[in-house]
Amino acid sequence: MAYDEPAYRRRDTGGTGTGGLREDSRFGSDTGFGTTPAYQTGSFPVASEFREPDAMELTQRRAVSQAELDDVFDDPSHGDPGRDRVAVHVIWEILLLVAAGAIGFLLYREDPDAVRGAALDELLVLAAGLGLLAVGASLTLRAGAPNLAIGPIAVGAALHFAEQGDRGVLFAATEAAVAAGVVGLLMAMVVGIFHVPGWAVTLAGALAAMVFIQQRSGPVNLQGDYDPSSQALYLFGGIAAVSVLGGLIGMITPVRRSVGRFRPVSDPAHRRGGLAAVLTGGALVVSSSLAAVGGVLLVAGQDAPVVPSPGLDWTAFAIGAALLGGTSAFGRRGGVFGTILAAVLVTLFLRYEDAMDWDMSQLAIAGGVLLAGVVVTRIVETYGRPRARDEGRDEEEWTEPDPPSTGWNGGRRDDSWATPLPTQSTAARTDPWDSDRWGTSGR
């Protein structure tokens, strides 16, 4: 067989040309092989449904930043999916500011001298001392290990300062802060190593501080002459700045995740790792030292001796003010200005109650603050937790289409594939070159 036979030569002329296998009479007519195909586009009903995706549709998906990807989970291993909502904290802090202003106005109307001169300085010092206690309580609440020893530690530091104040305010306050830090470290070791609830361990620490307090048989006179009233504005401003700065840092997602890892989720006894234990322990140490400094401020400059007391009322005031400020009793969640605003509100109410001669017990007031704080916790947990996946979803937002199926229909609806071709029987196989198949019979 030669390759230059006419049947195998290429036709250079236009059209379909002549000759070759397609012109051989044995293979019938070239119907279906010519310029007019037997299959027409659109002969199948599904052809109208299938189309190439528009380029604009492929770019309608909103770009997701790396920060949003990192913020998908506040606690990637155990927590709720999504970011905490802060609007509830903003609204509540505005209400706290209004309430503090209202109490201040009532106090001014009842006793104008209480918010002037030396009385105002004493009020600022009291707010600064209570603010330190509240900041320490807020820190441990965020860490998921509330420090119940804050009040007894503050009273113990106040007694130590009263006894050693003549050696210098800085020396006596530093000794008290270091001793309180050691107590906090011991509590932190138990909480971190054994991974047990902080309230139980710090209650034992509170009892230990009460033992120190009970060693004083009577009131202790102040030995030093330090009066913080001359620096009241600076003290209060500095403590308020620390509180606000701590709240801002607590709004940073990685910090909130790390500090709040002791927050109970799923099984509360499940260990949350070494980092969680270290940060929770650090919160206990820092809060104990802050409580000692706050106790010194609460008694420094007063004329009356320091009376030994269990100090549980100051624990209730501190934790109650932190809760009232928007810090969750369950941990992690908290606001920015709420803690210091709540401390100011409680301070103004204590002074207003004294001006009104209501003769209310401090324990009763502290209990009321605690009850109000737990109600605020429920509000924060209800409206501050991340939104559910199906809540507030934008219906017009582009969604990822389902991946195409690997089957024959390519992901189309089965009911739309209606072929007009007859069903061929597979019982008998035919010769593909049968002349009757190509319609050449009778030629």
Foldseek 3Di string as FASTA:
>chain_A
DDCPDQQNDDDPDDAPDDHHPQNDPLQPHCACPGPDHPDDQPQWLCSVVDDDDDPVLVPQADDDDPVNVVQQALAVPFGDGGAWDCPLLVVLVVVLVVLLVVLVVLLCVLPVCCCDDLNVLLLLLQLLLLLLLQLLQLLLLQLQAGQLQLQLLLLLLQQQQQVCVQVDNVVSLVVSLVVLLVLLLVLLCCCLPQVDHNVVSNVVSLVVSLVSLVVDPWFGGRPHQDACSVVSVVSSVVSLVVQLVVQVVLSPSVNLNQSNQLQDGDHNSDRRDNSSSVNSSVSSSSSSSSSSNSSNSNPHPDRDTRTRDSRSLSSLSNNLLNLSLQRASRHSDGHRNSSSSSSSSLSSVVVSCVSVVVPDDSSVVSVVSNVNSNVSNVVCVVRGGGDDPPPPDDPPRDDDDDQFDPDPVRNDDPVSRDNPDDDDDPPDDDDPSDSVVVPSPPD
